[in-house]
Amino acid sequence: MQLSVTGHHVEITPALRSYVEKKIGRIVRHCDYVIDTHFVLTVEKLLHKAEATLRVRGEIIHALASDGDMYAALDALADKLERRVRKHKEKLTDHHAEQVHKSPRL
């Protein structure tokens, strides 16, 4: 898995990069087929924004979160990504294969 972190109007410090890696590790734990991730961290006046794009097998998952603190924005972003990855994973599983069809009695 490739991870890239870029910043607009913010310097990506080693502490910030390691925090992003920790959060993406939580998401990859649920989904082993993440190919590529790209994080963009932005500061606009007093608003800190974090957005991420994950390329997984068969789909591109995108999420955006903003808060007054960059770490809080990253926490909210990780929660959104985790929900979307779980939803994508559930779509891939075949839920109908386990059902047993009963023939009607005559």
PDB file of N, CA and C in Angstrom:
ATOM      1  N   MET A   1       0.843  -1.173   0.000  1.00  0.00           N
ATOM      2  CA  MET A   1       0.000   0.000   0.000  1.00  0.00           C
ATOM      3  C   MET A   1       0.892   1.241   0.000  1.00  0.00           C
ATOM      4  N   GLN A   2       0.553   2.158  -0.860  1.00  0.00           N
ATOM      5  CA  GLN A   2       1.273   3.419  -0.924  1.00  0.00           C
ATOM      6  C   GLN A   2       0.495   4.475  -0.160  1.00  0.00           C
ATOM      7  N   LEU A   3       1.217   5.287   0.610  1.00  0.00           N
ATOM      8  CA  LEU A   3       0.605   6.352   1.383  1.00  0.00           C
ATOM      9  C   LEU A   3       1.292   7.656   1.034  1.00  0.00           C
ATOM     10  N   SER A   4       0.507   8.658   0.644  1.00  0.00           N
ATOM     11  CA  SER A   4       1.077   9.980   0.391  1.00  0.00           C
ATOM     12  C   SER A   4       0.276  11.005   1.185  1.00  0.00           C
ATOM     13  N   VAL A   5       1.003  11.906   1.823  1.00  0.00           N
ATOM     14  CA  VAL A   5       0.397  12.955   2.630  1.00  0.00           C
ATOM     15  C   VAL A   5       0.927  14.283   2.118  1.00  0.00           C
ATOM     16  N   THR A   6       0.023  15.169   1.708  1.00  0.00           N
ATOM     17  CA  THR A   6       0.422  16.493   1.243  1.00  0.00           C
ATOM     18  C   THR A   6      -0.304  17.542   2.065  1.00  0.00           C
ATOM     19  N   GLY A   7       0.243  18.734   2.092  1.00  0.00           N
ATOM     20  CA  GLY A   7      -0.360  19.812   2.866  1.00  0.00           C
ATOM     21  C   GLY A   7      -0.465  21.084   2.058  1.00  0.00           C
ATOM     22  N   HIS A   8      -1.573  21.766   2.209  1.00  0.00           N
ATOM     23  CA  HIS A   8      -1.771  23.094   1.631  1.00  0.00           C
ATOM     24  C   HIS A   8      -1.804  24.087   2.784  1.00  0.00           C
ATOM     25  N   HIS A   9      -0.868  24.998   2.791  1.00  0.00           N
ATOM     26  CA  HIS A   9      -0.739  26.015   3.830  1.00  0.00           C
ATOM     27  C   HIS A   9      -0.453  25.403   5.200  1.00  0.00           C
ATOM     28  N   VAL A  10       0.100  24.207   5.219  1.00  0.00           N
ATOM     29  CA  VAL A  10       0.484  23.551   6.468  1.00  0.00           C
ATOM     30  C   VAL A  10       1.696  22.669   6.187  1.00  0.00           C
ATOM     31  N   GLU A  11       2.613  22.653   7.125  1.00  0.00           N
ATOM     32  CA  GLU A  11       3.797  21.805   6.988  1.00  0.00           C
ATOM     33  C   GLU A  11       3.493  20.440   7.581  1.00  0.00           C
ATOM     34  N   ILE A  12       3.837  19.402   6.845  1.00  0.00           N
ATOM     35  CA  ILE A  12       3.607  18.035   7.313  1.00  0.00           C
ATOM     36  C   ILE A  12       4.789  17.643   8.195  1.00  0.00           C
ATOM     37  N   THR A  13       4.563  17.657   9.489  1.00  0.00           N
ATOM     38  CA  THR A  13       5.612  17.310  10.440  1.00  0.00           C
ATOM     39  C   THR A  13       5.668  15.794  10.592  1.00  0.00           C
ATOM     40  N   PRO A  14       6.766  15.263  11.104  1.00  0.00           N
ATOM     41  CA  PRO A  14       6.841  13.809  11.341  1.00  0.00           C
ATOM     42  C   PRO A  14       5.752  13.313  12.302  1.00  0.00           C
ATOM     43  N   ALA A  15       5.399  14.134  13.286  1.00  0.00           N
ATOM     44  CA  ALA A  15       4.342  13.738  14.219  1.00  0.00           C
ATOM     45  C   ALA A  15       2.996  13.642  13.509  1.00  0.00           C
ATOM     46  N   LEU A  16       2.724  14.577  12.625  1.00  0.00           N
ATOM     47  CA  LEU A  16       1.467  14.562  11.875  1.00  0.00           C
ATOM     48  C   LEU A  16       1.424  13.378  10.916  1.00  0.00           C
ATOM     49  N   ARG A  17       2.544  13.096  10.262  1.00  0.00           N
ATOM     50  CA  ARG A  17       2.621  11.957   9.349  1.00  0.00           C
ATOM     51  C   ARG A  17       2.421  10.635  10.103  1.00  0.00           C
ATOM     52  N   SER A  18       3.029  10.493  11.267  1.00  0.00           N
ATOM     53  CA  SER A  18       2.872   9.250  12.028  1.00  0.00           C
ATOM     54  C   SER A  18       1.440   9.095  12.533  1.00  0.00           C
ATOM     55  N   TYR A  19       0.764  10.213  12.855  1.00  0.00           N
ATOM     56  CA  TYR A  19      -0.628  10.152  13.276  1.00  0.00           C
ATOM     57  C   TYR A  19      -1.514   9.674  12.128  1.00  0.00           C
ATOM     58  N   VAL A  20      -1.246  10.166  10.925  1.00  0.00           N
ATOM     59  CA  VAL A  20      -1.993   9.720   9.741  1.00  0.00           C
ATOM     60  C   VAL A  20      -1.748   8.237   9.496  1.00  0.00           C
ATOM     61  N   GLU A  21      -0.505   7.795   9.637  1.00  0.00           N
ATOM     62  CA  GLU A  21      -0.186   6.374   9.438  1.00  0.00           C
ATOM     63  C   GLU A  21      -0.891   5.500  10.464  1.00  0.00           C
ATOM     64  N   LYS A  22      -0.988   5.985  11.698  1.00  0.00           N
ATOM     65  CA  LYS A  22      -1.688   5.226  12.737  1.00  0.00           C
ATOM     66  C   LYS A  22      -3.168   5.094  12.405  1.00  0.00           C
ATOM     67  N   LYS A  23      -3.769   6.185  11.926  1.00  0.00           N
ATOM     68  CA  LYS A  23      -5.197   6.173  11.587  1.00  0.00           C
ATOM     69  C   LYS A  23      -5.476   5.293  10.366  1.00  0.00           C
ATOM     70  N   ILE A  24      -4.592   5.332   9.370  1.00  0.00           N
ATOM     71  CA  ILE A  24      -4.815   4.497   8.182  1.00  0.00           C
ATOM     72  C   ILE A  24      -4.597   3.028   8.526  1.00  0.00           C
ATOM     73  N   GLY A  25      -3.763   2.751   9.501  1.00  0.00           N
ATOM     74  CA  GLY A  25      -3.575   1.375   9.952  1.00  0.00           C
ATOM     75  C   GLY A  25      -4.842   0.784  10.530  1.00  0.00           C
ATOM     76  N   ARG A  26      -5.634   1.622  11.189  1.00  0.00           N
ATOM     77  CA  ARG A  26      -6.915   1.185  11.735  1.00  0.00           C
ATOM     78  C   ARG A  26      -7.881   0.817  10.617  1.00  0.00           C
ATOM     79  N   ILE A  27      -7.810   1.545   9.514  1.00  0.00           N
ATOM     80  CA  ILE A  27      -8.709   1.281   8.384  1.00  0.00           C
ATOM     81  C   ILE A  27      -8.265   0.041   7.622  1.00  0.00           C
ATOM     82  N   VAL A  28      -6.959  -0.111   7.429  1.00  0.00           N
ATOM     83  CA  VAL A  28      -6.432  -1.259   6.688  1.00  0.00           C
ATOM     84  C   VAL A  28      -6.692  -2.555   7.440  1.00  0.00           C
ATOM     85  N   ARG A  29      -6.831  -2.470   8.752  1.00  0.00           N
ATOM     86  CA  ARG A  29      -7.138  -3.656   9.551  1.00  0.00           C
ATOM     87  C   ARG A  29      -8.475  -4.261   9.132  1.00  0.00           C
ATOM     88  N   HIS A  30      -9.428  -3.410   8.728  1.00  0.00           N
ATOM     89  CA  HIS A  30     -10.735  -3.897   8.288  1.00  0.00           C
ATOM     90  C   HIS A  30     -10.725  -4.347   6.832  1.00  0.00           C
ATOM     91  N   CYS A  31      -9.823  -3.826   6.050  1.00  0.00           N
ATOM     92  CA  CYS A  31      -9.838  -4.042   4.606  1.00  0.00           C
ATOM     93  C   CYS A  31      -8.408  -4.275   4.127  1.00  0.00           C
ATOM     94  N   ASP A  32      -8.095  -5.472   3.704  1.00  0.00           N
ATOM     95  CA  ASP A  32      -6.734  -5.816   3.300  1.00  0.00           C
ATOM     96  C   ASP A  32      -6.409  -5.426   1.871  1.00  0.00           C
ATOM     97  N   TYR A  33      -7.371  -4.994   1.116  1.00  0.00           N
ATOM     98  CA  TYR A  33      -7.160  -4.759  -0.306  1.00  0.00           C
ATOM     99  C   TYR A  33      -7.077  -3.276  -0.663  1.00  0.00           C
ATOM    100  N   VAL A  34      -6.530  -2.452   0.220  1.00  0.00           N
ATOM    101  CA  VAL A  34      -6.298  -1.035  -0.079  1.00  0.00           C
ATOM    102  C   VAL A  34      -5.035  -0.940  -0.930  1.00  0.00           C
ATOM    103  N   ILE A  35      -5.144  -0.319  -2.090  1.00  0.00           N
ATOM    104  CA  ILE A  35      -4.029  -0.225  -3.024  1.00  0.00           C
ATOM    105  C   ILE A  35      -3.227   1.043  -2.791  1.00  0.00           C
ATOM    106  N   ASP A  36      -3.918   2.173  -2.670  1.00  0.00           N
ATOM    107  CA  ASP A  36      -3.253   3.468  -2.646  1.00  0.00           C
ATOM    108  C   ASP A  36      -4.071   4.413  -1.781  1.00  0.00           C
ATOM    109  N   THR A  37      -3.403   5.257  -0.994  1.00  0.00           N
ATOM    110  CA  THR A  37      -4.098   6.263  -0.200  1.00  0.00           C
ATOM    111  C   THR A  37      -3.420   7.609  -0.393  1.00  0.00           C
ATOM    112  N   HIS A  38      -4.227   8.652  -0.438  1.00  0.00           N
ATOM    113  CA  HIS A  38      -3.700  10.006  -0.598  1.00  0.00           C
ATOM    114  C   HIS A  38      -4.439  10.924   0.359  1.00  0.00           C
ATOM    115  N   PHE A  39      -3.701  11.542   1.274  1.00  0.00           N
ATOM    116  CA  PHE A  39      -4.260  12.471   2.236  1.00  0.00           C
ATOM    117  C   PHE A  39      -3.853  13.890   1.864  1.00  0.00           C
ATOM    118  N   VAL A  40      -4.792  14.831   1.958  1.00  0.00           N
ATOM    119  CA  VAL A  40      -4.509  16.246   1.742  1.00  0.00           C
ATOM    120  C   VAL A  40      -4.973  16.975   2.997  1.00  0.00           C
ATOM    121  N   LEU A  41      -4.038  17.652   3.650  1.00  0.00           N
ATOM    122  CA  LEU A  41      -4.336  18.417   4.855  1.00  0.00           C
ATOM    123  C   LEU A  41      -4.257  19.895   4.507  1.00  0.00           C
ATOM    124  N   THR A  42      -5.300  20.658   4.864  1.00  0.00           N
ATOM    125  CA  THR A  42      -5.406  22.054   4.475  1.00  0.00           C
ATOM    126  C   THR A  42      -5.779  22.903   5.685  1.00  0.00           C
ATOM    127  N   VAL A  43      -5.222  24.112   5.736  1.00  0.00           N
ATOM    128  CA  VAL A  43      -5.609  25.088   6.761  1.00  0.00           C
ATOM    129  C   VAL A  43      -6.119  26.332   6.047  1.00  0.00           C
ATOM    130  N   GLU A  44      -7.358  26.720   6.358  1.00  0.00           N
ATOM    131  CA  GLU A  44      -7.959  27.937   5.816  1.00  0.00           C
ATOM    132  C   GLU A  44      -8.468  28.764   6.990  1.00  0.00           C
ATOM    133  N   LYS A  45      -7.792  29.846   7.263  1.00  0.00           N
ATOM    134  CA  LYS A  45      -8.078  30.718   8.412  1.00  0.00           C
ATOM    135  C   LYS A  45      -8.073  29.871   9.685  1.00  0.00           C
ATOM    136  N   LEU A  46      -9.204  29.671  10.319  1.00  0.00           N
ATOM    137  CA  LEU A  46      -9.253  28.897  11.560  1.00  0.00           C
ATOM    138  C   LEU A  46      -9.784  27.483  11.354  1.00  0.00           C
ATOM    139  N   LEU A  47     -10.027  27.094  10.111  1.00  0.00           N
ATOM    140  CA  LEU A  47     -10.618  25.798   9.807  1.00  0.00           C
ATOM    141  C   LEU A  47      -9.550  24.845   9.276  1.00  0.00           C
ATOM    142  N   HIS A  48      -9.425  23.701   9.918  1.00  0.00           N
ATOM    143  CA  HIS A  48      -8.485  22.672   9.487  1.00  0.00           C
ATOM    144  C   HIS A  48      -9.274  21.585   8.760  1.00  0.00           C
ATOM    145  N   LYS A  49      -8.857  21.279   7.547  1.00  0.00           N
ATOM    146  CA  LYS A  49      -9.548  20.275   6.734  1.00  0.00           C
ATOM    147  C   LYS A  49      -8.625  19.107   6.459  1.00  0.00           C
ATOM    148  N   ALA A  50      -9.197  17.924   6.472  1.00  0.00           N
ATOM    149  CA  ALA A  50      -8.471  16.719   6.116  1.00  0.00           C
ATOM    150  C   ALA A  50      -9.333  15.958   5.118  1.00  0.00           C
ATOM    151  N   GLU A  51      -8.731  15.579   4.011  1.00  0.00           N
ATOM    152  CA  GLU A  51      -9.475  14.788   3.030  1.00  0.00           C
ATOM    153  C   GLU A  51      -8.599  13.632   2.579  1.00  0.00           C
ATOM    154  N   ALA A  52      -9.251  12.550   2.230  1.00  0.00           N
ATOM    155  CA  ALA A  52      -8.517  11.351   1.848  1.00  0.00           C
ATOM    156  C   ALA A  52      -9.205  10.670   0.676  1.00  0.00           C
ATOM    157  N   THR A  53      -8.383  10.062  -0.150  1.00  0.00           N
ATOM    158  CA  THR A  53      -8.857   9.255  -1.259  1.00  0.00           C
ATOM    159  C   THR A  53      -8.185   7.892  -1.153  1.00  0.00           C
ATOM    160  N   LEU A  54      -8.985   6.852  -1.062  1.00  0.00           N
ATOM    161  CA  LEU A  54      -8.475   5.483  -0.977  1.00  0.00           C
ATOM    162  C   LEU A  54      -8.853   4.756  -2.246  1.00  0.00           C
ATOM    163  N   ARG A  55      -7.876   4.138  -2.867  1.00  0.00           N
ATOM    164  CA  ARG A  55      -8.166   3.258  -3.996  1.00  0.00           C
ATOM    165  C   ARG A  55      -8.174   1.843  -3.460  1.00  0.00           C
ATOM    166  N   VAL A  56      -9.326   1.226  -3.542  1.00  0.00           N
ATOM    167  CA  VAL A  56      -9.463  -0.163  -3.140  1.00  0.00           C
ATOM    168  C   VAL A  56      -9.854  -0.956  -4.368  1.00  0.00           C
ATOM    169  N   ARG A  57      -9.828  -2.245  -4.238  1.00  0.00           N
ATOM    170  CA  ARG A  57     -10.172  -3.097  -5.363  1.00  0.00           C
ATOM    171  C   ARG A  57     -11.605  -2.819  -5.796  1.00  0.00           C
ATOM    172  N   GLY A  58     -11.761  -2.255  -6.978  1.00  0.00           N
ATOM    173  CA  GLY A  58     -13.086  -2.057  -7.538  1.00  0.00           C
ATOM    174  C   GLY A  58     -13.724  -0.699  -7.277  1.00  0.00           C
ATOM    175  N   GLU A  59     -13.119   0.145  -6.470  1.00  0.00           N
ATOM    176  CA  GLU A  59     -13.779   1.410  -6.156  1.00  0.00           C
ATOM    177  C   GLU A  59     -12.765   2.427  -5.629  1.00  0.00           C
ATOM    178  N   ILE A  60     -13.147   3.702  -5.698  1.00  0.00           N
ATOM    179  CA  ILE A  60     -12.379   4.781  -5.097  1.00  0.00           C
ATOM    180  C   ILE A  60     -13.251   5.375  -3.996  1.00  0.00           C
ATOM    181  N   ILE A  61     -12.718   5.436  -2.777  1.00  0.00           N
ATOM    182  CA  ILE A  61     -13.457   5.938  -1.621  1.00  0.00           C
ATOM    183  C   ILE A  61     -12.859   7.289  -1.246  1.00  0.00           C
ATOM    184  N   HIS A  62     -13.722   8.297  -1.125  1.00  0.00           N
ATOM    185  CA  HIS A  62     -13.280   9.655  -0.819  1.00  0.00           C
ATOM    186  C   HIS A  62     -14.051  10.175   0.392  1.00  0.00           C
ATOM    187  N   ALA A  63     -13.358  10.884   1.277  1.00  0.00           N
ATOM    188  CA  ALA A  63     -14.016  11.469   2.448  1.00  0.00           C
ATOM    189  C   ALA A  63     -13.346  12.791   2.787  1.00  0.00           C
ATOM    190  N   LEU A  64     -14.109  13.676   3.426  1.00  0.00           N
ATOM    191  CA  LEU A  64     -13.637  15.000   3.815  1.00  0.00           C
ATOM    192  C   LEU A  64     -14.162  15.299   5.213  1.00  0.00           C
ATOM    193  N   ALA A  65     -13.295  15.856   6.061  1.00  0.00           N
ATOM    194  CA  ALA A  65     -13.708  16.256   7.410  1.00  0.00           C
ATOM    195  C   ALA A  65     -12.999  17.553   7.766  1.00  0.00           C
ATOM    196  N   SER A  66     -13.660  18.388   8.562  1.00  0.00           N
ATOM    197  CA  SER A  66     -13.047  19.642   8.984  1.00  0.00           C
ATOM    198  C   SER A  66     -13.371  19.896  10.447  1.00  0.00           C
ATOM    199  N   ASP A  67     -12.464  20.606  11.113  1.00  0.00           N
ATOM    200  CA  ASP A  67     -12.616  20.907  12.534  1.00  0.00           C
ATOM    201  C   ASP A  67     -11.688  22.069  12.871  1.00  0.00           C
ATOM    202  N   GLY A  68     -11.730  22.525  14.091  1.00  0.00           N
ATOM    203  CA  GLY A  68     -10.864  23.592  14.538  1.00  0.00           C
ATOM    204  C   GLY A  68      -9.450  23.125  14.827  1.00  0.00           C
ATOM    205  N   ASP A  69      -9.257  21.809  14.966  1.00  0.00           N
ATOM    206  CA  ASP A  69      -7.955  21.212  15.257  1.00  0.00           C
ATOM    207  C   ASP A  69      -7.669  20.149  14.208  1.00  0.00           C
ATOM    208  N   MET A  70      -6.435  20.080  13.733  1.00  0.00           N
ATOM    209  CA  MET A  70      -6.091  19.119  12.677  1.00  0.00           C
ATOM    210  C   MET A  70      -6.239  17.679  13.149  1.00  0.00           C
ATOM    211  N   TYR A  71      -5.855  17.396  14.390  1.00  0.00           N
ATOM    212  CA  TYR A  71      -5.954  16.031  14.904  1.00  0.00           C
ATOM    213  C   TYR A  71      -7.413  15.606  15.052  1.00  0.00           C
ATOM    214  N   ALA A  72      -8.283  16.524  15.449  1.00  0.00           N
ATOM    215  CA  ALA A  72      -9.714  16.214  15.533  1.00  0.00           C
ATOM    216  C   ALA A  72     -10.290  15.986  14.144  1.00  0.00           C
ATOM    217  N   ALA A  73      -9.841  16.761  13.169  1.00  0.00           N
ATOM    218  CA  ALA A  73     -10.295  16.558  11.790  1.00  0.00           C
ATOM    219  C   ALA A  73      -9.848  15.197  11.275  1.00  0.00           C
ATOM    220  N   LEU A  74      -8.618  14.788  11.622  1.00  0.00           N
ATOM    221  CA  LEU A  74      -8.134  13.468  11.199  1.00  0.00           C
ATOM    222  C   LEU A  74      -8.912  12.341  11.875  1.00  0.00           C
ATOM    223  N   ASP A  75      -9.291  12.529  13.138  1.00  0.00           N
ATOM    224  CA  ASP A  75     -10.107  11.528  13.824  1.00  0.00           C
ATOM    225  C   ASP A  75     -11.461  11.370  13.135  1.00  0.00           C
ATOM    226  N   ALA A  76     -12.107  12.480  12.816  1.00  0.00           N
ATOM    227  CA  ALA A  76     -13.409  12.437  12.136  1.00  0.00           C
ATOM    228  C   ALA A  76     -13.276  11.808  10.755  1.00  0.00           C
ATOM    229  N   LEU A  77     -12.192  12.126  10.064  1.00  0.00           N
ATOM    230  CA  LEU A  77     -11.951  11.557   8.740  1.00  0.00           C
ATOM    231  C   LEU A  77     -11.755  10.051   8.824  1.00  0.00           C
ATOM    232  N   ALA A  78     -11.014   9.595   9.812  1.00  0.00           N
ATOM    233  CA  ALA A  78     -10.782   8.152   9.977  1.00  0.00           C
ATOM    234  C   ALA A  78     -12.089   7.420  10.258  1.00  0.00           C
ATOM    235  N   ASP A  79     -12.971   8.022  11.051  1.00  0.00           N
ATOM    236  CA  ASP A  79     -14.269   7.407  11.322  1.00  0.00           C
ATOM    237  C   ASP A  79     -15.104   7.296  10.050  1.00  0.00           C
ATOM    238  N   LYS A  80     -15.119   8.356   9.249  1.00  0.00           N
ATOM    239  CA  LYS A  80     -15.869   8.326   7.986  1.00  0.00           C
ATOM    240  C   LYS A  80     -15.318   7.271   7.040  1.00  0.00           C
ATOM    241  N   LEU A  81     -13.993   7.232   6.921  1.00  0.00           N
ATOM    242  CA  LEU A  81     -13.380   6.253   6.018  1.00  0.00           C
ATOM    243  C   LEU A  81     -13.656   4.824   6.479  1.00  0.00           C
ATOM    244  N   GLU A  82     -13.614   4.619   7.782  1.00  0.00           N
ATOM    245  CA  GLU A  82     -13.860   3.273   8.308  1.00  0.00           C
ATOM    246  C   GLU A  82     -15.279   2.817   7.989  1.00  0.00           C
ATOM    247  N   ARG A  83     -16.256   3.718   8.136  1.00  0.00           N
ATOM    248  CA  ARG A  83     -17.646   3.369   7.799  1.00  0.00           C
ATOM    249  C   ARG A  83     -17.783   3.050   6.310  1.00  0.00           C
ATOM    250  N   ARG A  84     -17.145   3.856   5.465  1.00  0.00           N
ATOM    251  CA  ARG A  84     -17.270   3.638   4.020  1.00  0.00           C
ATOM    252  C   ARG A  84     -16.550   2.380   3.567  1.00  0.00           C
ATOM    253  N   VAL A  85     -15.432   2.063   4.195  1.00  0.00           N
ATOM    254  CA  VAL A  85     -14.714   0.832   3.840  1.00  0.00           C
ATOM    255  C   VAL A  85     -15.528  -0.388   4.268  1.00  0.00           C
ATOM    256  N   ARG A  86     -16.132  -0.329   5.453  1.00  0.00           N
ATOM    257  CA  ARG A  86     -16.995  -1.444   5.895  1.00  0.00           C
ATOM    258  C   ARG A  86     -18.168  -1.638   4.932  1.00  0.00           C
ATOM    259  N   LYS A  87     -18.775  -0.535   4.512  1.00  0.00           N
ATOM    260  CA  LYS A  87     -19.910  -0.612   3.586  1.00  0.00           C
ATOM    261  C   LYS A  87     -19.472  -1.231   2.263  1.00  0.00           C
ATOM    262  N   HIS A  88     -18.310  -0.828   1.774  1.00  0.00           N
ATOM    263  CA  HIS A  88     -17.785  -1.400   0.534  1.00  0.00           C
ATOM    264  C   HIS A  88     -17.503  -2.887   0.699  1.00  0.00           C
ATOM    265  N   LYS A  89     -16.962  -3.273   1.824  1.00  0.00           N
ATOM    266  CA  LYS A  89     -16.649  -4.678   2.084  1.00  0.00           C
ATOM    267  C   LYS A  89     -17.921  -5.523   2.135  1.00  0.00           C
ATOM    268  N   GLU A  90     -18.995  -4.967   2.731  1.00  0.00           N
ATOM    269  CA  GLU A  90     -20.261  -5.683   2.789  1.00  0.00           C
ATOM    270  C   GLU A  90     -20.882  -5.833   1.410  1.00  0.00           C
ATOM    271  N   LYS A  91     -20.662  -4.854   0.533  1.00  0.00           N
ATOM    272  CA  LYS A  91     -21.180  -4.966  -0.831  1.00  0.00           C
ATOM    273  C   LYS A  91     -20.504  -6.108  -1.589  1.00  0.00           C
ATOM    274  N   LEU A  92     -19.223  -6.336  -1.289  1.00  0.00           N
ATOM    275  CA  LEU A  92     -18.482  -7.361  -2.009  1.00  0.00           C
ATOM    276  C   LEU A  92     -18.874  -8.779  -1.599  1.00  0.00           C
ATOM    277  N   THR A  93     -19.311  -8.956  -0.364  1.00  0.00           N
ATOM    278  CA  THR A  93     -19.675 -10.288   0.086  1.00  0.00           C
ATOM    279  C   THR A  93     -21.025 -10.667  -0.507  1.00  0.00           C
ATOM    280  N   ASP A  94     -21.164 -11.916  -0.834  1.00  0.00           N
ATOM    281  CA  ASP A  94     -22.409 -12.404  -1.421  1.00  0.00           C
ATOM    282  C   ASP A  94     -23.298 -12.896  -0.287  1.00  0.00           C
ATOM    283  N   HIS A  95     -24.294 -12.113   0.075  1.00  0.00           N
ATOM    284  CA  HIS A  95     -25.169 -12.474   1.177  1.00  0.00           C
ATOM    285  C   HIS A  95     -26.209 -13.522   0.771  1.00  0.00           C
ATOM    286  N   HIS A  96     -26.442 -13.664  -0.503  1.00  0.00           N
ATOM    287  CA  HIS A  96     -27.485 -14.583  -0.959  1.00  0.00           C
ATOM    288  C   HIS A  96     -26.980 -16.016  -1.076  1.00  0.00           C
ATOM    289  N   ALA A  97     -25.718 -16.234  -1.042  1.00  0.00           N
ATOM    290  CA  ALA A  97     -25.172 -17.581  -1.205  1.00  0.00           C
ATOM    291  C   ALA A  97     -25.460 -18.456   0.001  1.00  0.00           C
ATOM    292  N   GLU A  98     -25.667 -17.864   1.166  1.00  0.00           N
ATOM    293  CA  GLU A  98     -25.878 -18.641   2.375  1.00  0.00           C
ATOM    294  C   GLU A  98     -27.331 -19.043   2.586  1.00  0.00           C
ATOM    295  N   GLN A  99     -28.251 -18.433   1.893  1.00  0.00           N
ATOM    296  CA  GLN A  99     -29.663 -18.731   2.088  1.00  0.00           C
ATOM    297  C   GLN A  99     -30.008 -20.082   1.478  1.00  0.00           C
ATOM    298  N   VAL A 100     -30.803 -20.821   2.195  1.00  0.00           N
ATOM    299  CA  VAL A 100     -31.269 -22.110   1.702  1.00  0.00           C
ATOM    300  C   VAL A 100     -32.696 -21.916   1.221  1.00  0.00           C
ATOM    301  N   HIS A 101     -32.920 -22.236  -0.036  1.00  0.00           N
ATOM    302  CA  HIS A 101     -34.256 -22.074  -0.607  1.00  0.00           C
ATOM    303  C   HIS A 101     -35.038 -23.362  -0.378  1.00  0.00           C
ATOM    304  N   LYS A 102     -36.192 -23.199   0.221  1.00  0.00           N
ATOM    305  CA  LYS A 102     -37.061 -24.343   0.481  1.00  0.00           C
ATOM    306  C   LYS A 102     -38.060 -24.477  -0.640  1.00  0.00           C
ATOM    307  N   SER A 103     -38.289 -25.683  -1.047  1.00  0.00           N
ATOM    308  CA  SER A 103     -39.286 -25.895  -2.083  1.00  0.00           C
ATOM    309  C   SER A 103     -40.681 -25.864  -1.425  1.00  0.00           C
ATOM    310  N   PRO A 104     -41.635 -25.293  -2.124  1.00  0.00           N
ATOM    311  CA  PRO A 104     -42.981 -25.210  -1.545  1.00  0.00           C
ATOM    312  C   PRO A 104     -43.617 -26.592  -1.451  1.00  0.00           C
ATOM    313  N   ARG A 105     -44.334 -26.822  -0.393  1.00  0.00           N
ATOM    314  CA  ARG A 105     -45.020 -28.102  -0.199  1.00  0.00           C
ATOM    315  C   ARG A 105     -46.346 -28.085  -0.946  1.00  0.00           C
ATOM    316  N   LEU A 106     -46.614 -29.185  -1.534  1.00  0.00           N
ATOM    317  CA  LEU A 106     -47.886 -29.293  -2.276  1.00  0.00           C
ATOM    318  C   LEU A 106     -48.870 -30.116  -1.548  1.00  0.00           C
TER     319      LEU A 106
END
